[in-house]
Amino acid sequence: MDRIGLEQQTYDILGIKLPHITIPVRPGRDIARLIEVAALDQKLKSLGHNAAQEFNERLIERMRGGGRV
């Protein structure tokens, strides 16, 4: 299952685009922590730090053999 994902989804309210996040929830998961992490991720994105994108780039680089161990 995809986590929050690399693509930013938005929801339009009165012409204003707001971030829209779908959080994958299953029984037994800590919903409060999931929401807290999603909110922190959104805050970091607004500050210009996209952790998912950076992780994806590092992973691809390592898969190509250019990453350090």
C-alpha atoms as a PDB file:
ATOM      1  CA  MET A   1       0.000   0.000   0.000  1.00  0.00           C
ATOM      2  CA  ASP A   2       1.220   3.447  -0.843  1.00  0.00           C
ATOM      3  CA  ARG A   3       1.987   5.621   2.153  1.00  0.00           C
ATOM      4  CA  ILE A   4       1.360   9.343   1.930  1.00  0.00           C
ATOM      5  CA  GLY A   5       3.088   9.325  -1.454  1.00  0.00           C
ATOM      6  CA  LEU A   6       5.235  11.597  -3.539  1.00  0.00           C
ATOM      7  CA  GLU A   7       2.470  13.484  -5.289  1.00  0.00           C
ATOM      8  CA  GLN A   8       0.828  16.389  -3.491  1.00  0.00           C
ATOM      9  CA  GLN A   9      -2.965  16.230  -3.577  1.00  0.00           C
ATOM     10  CA  THR A  10      -5.060  19.353  -3.042  1.00  0.00           C
ATOM     11  CA  TYR A  11      -8.664  20.107  -2.187  1.00  0.00           C
ATOM     12  CA  ASP A  12     -10.252  23.271  -3.555  1.00  0.00           C
ATOM     13  CA  ILE A  13     -12.400  25.339  -1.174  1.00  0.00           C
ATOM     14  CA  LEU A  14     -13.673  28.709  -2.448  1.00  0.00           C
ATOM     15  CA  GLY A  15     -10.804  28.916  -4.933  1.00  0.00           C
ATOM     16  CA  ILE A  16      -8.132  28.170  -2.343  1.00  0.00           C
ATOM     17  CA  LYS A  17      -6.123  24.978  -2.803  1.00  0.00           C
ATOM     18  CA  LEU A  18      -5.561  23.199   0.480  1.00  0.00           C
ATOM     19  CA  PRO A  19      -3.373  20.136   0.988  1.00  0.00           C
ATOM     20  CA  HIS A  20      -5.357  16.882   1.034  1.00  0.00           C
ATOM     21  CA  ILE A  21      -3.819  13.828   2.693  1.00  0.00           C
ATOM     22  CA  THR A  22      -5.333  10.352   2.731  1.00  0.00           C
ATOM     23  CA  ILE A  23      -3.955   8.430   5.696  1.00  0.00           C
ATOM     24  CA  PRO A  24      -3.938   4.621   5.408  1.00  0.00           C
ATOM     25  CA  VAL A  25      -5.537   3.333   8.628  1.00  0.00           C
ATOM     26  CA  ARG A  26      -5.945  -0.258   9.757  1.00  0.00           C
ATOM     27  CA  PRO A  27      -7.118  -1.754  13.030  1.00  0.00           C
ATOM     28  CA  GLY A  28      -4.521  -1.631  15.764  1.00  0.00           C
ATOM     29  CA  ARG A  29      -2.625   1.371  14.389  1.00  0.00           C
ATOM     30  CA  ASP A  30      -2.004   4.487  16.430  1.00  0.00           C
ATOM     31  CA  ILE A  31      -4.175   7.035  14.590  1.00  0.00           C
ATOM     32  CA  ALA A  32      -2.935   9.961  16.685  1.00  0.00           C
ATOM     33  CA  ARG A  33       0.671   9.222  15.747  1.00  0.00           C
ATOM     34  CA  LEU A  34      -0.218   8.814  12.062  1.00  0.00           C
ATOM     35  CA  ILE A  35      -1.918  12.219  12.056  1.00  0.00           C
ATOM     36  CA  GLU A  36       0.984  13.788  13.945  1.00  0.00           C
ATOM     37  CA  VAL A  37       3.521  12.470  11.428  1.00  0.00           C
ATOM     38  CA  ALA A  38       1.352  13.584   8.483  1.00  0.00           C
ATOM     39  CA  ALA A  39       1.068  17.089   9.988  1.00  0.00           C
ATOM     40  CA  LEU A  40       4.841  17.259  10.567  1.00  0.00           C
ATOM     41  CA  ASP A  41       5.470  16.100   6.988  1.00  0.00           C
ATOM     42  CA  GLN A  42       3.129  18.813   5.683  1.00  0.00           C
ATOM     43  CA  LYS A  43       4.895  21.449   7.779  1.00  0.00           C
ATOM     44  CA  LEU A  44       8.281  20.347   6.436  1.00  0.00           C
ATOM     45  CA  LYS A  45       6.947  20.477   2.861  1.00  0.00           C
ATOM     46  CA  SER A  46       5.764  24.052   3.415  1.00  0.00           C
ATOM     47  CA  LEU A  47       9.315  24.896   4.559  1.00  0.00           C
ATOM     48  CA  GLY A  48      10.761  23.359   1.384  1.00  0.00           C
ATOM     49  CA  HIS A  49      11.917  19.989   2.734  1.00  0.00           C
ATOM     50  CA  ASN A  50      10.216  17.048   1.008  1.00  0.00           C
ATOM     51  CA  ALA A  51      11.427  13.999   2.942  1.00  0.00           C
ATOM     52  CA  ALA A  52       9.658  11.474   0.696  1.00  0.00           C
ATOM     53  CA  GLN A  53      11.184  12.963  -2.459  1.00  0.00           C
ATOM     54  CA  GLU A  54      14.669  13.054  -0.925  1.00  0.00           C
ATOM     55  CA  PHE A  55      14.340   9.463   0.271  1.00  0.00           C
ATOM     56  CA  ASN A  56      13.185   8.358  -3.184  1.00  0.00           C
ATOM     57  CA  GLU A  57      16.139  10.084  -4.856  1.00  0.00           C
ATOM     58  CA  ARG A  58      18.625   8.479  -2.429  1.00  0.00           C
ATOM     59  CA  LEU A  59      17.015   5.066  -2.937  1.00  0.00           C
ATOM     60  CA  ILE A  60      17.222   5.325  -6.732  1.00  0.00           C
ATOM     61  CA  GLU A  61      20.843   6.466  -6.499  1.00  0.00           C
ATOM     62  CA  ARG A  62      21.707   3.493  -4.276  1.00  0.00           C
ATOM     63  CA  MET A  63      19.912   1.094  -6.634  1.00  0.00           C
ATOM     64  CA  ARG A  64      22.054   2.422  -9.492  1.00  0.00           C
ATOM     65  CA  GLY A  65      25.146   1.561  -7.475  1.00  0.00           C
ATOM     66  CA  GLY A  66      26.228   5.102  -6.716  1.00  0.00           C
ATOM     67  CA  GLY A  67      25.268   5.143  -3.060  1.00  0.00           C
ATOM     68  CA  ARG A  68      27.552   4.516  -0.128  1.00  0.00           C
ATOM     69  CA  VAL A  69      26.943   1.642   2.255  1.00  0.00           C
END
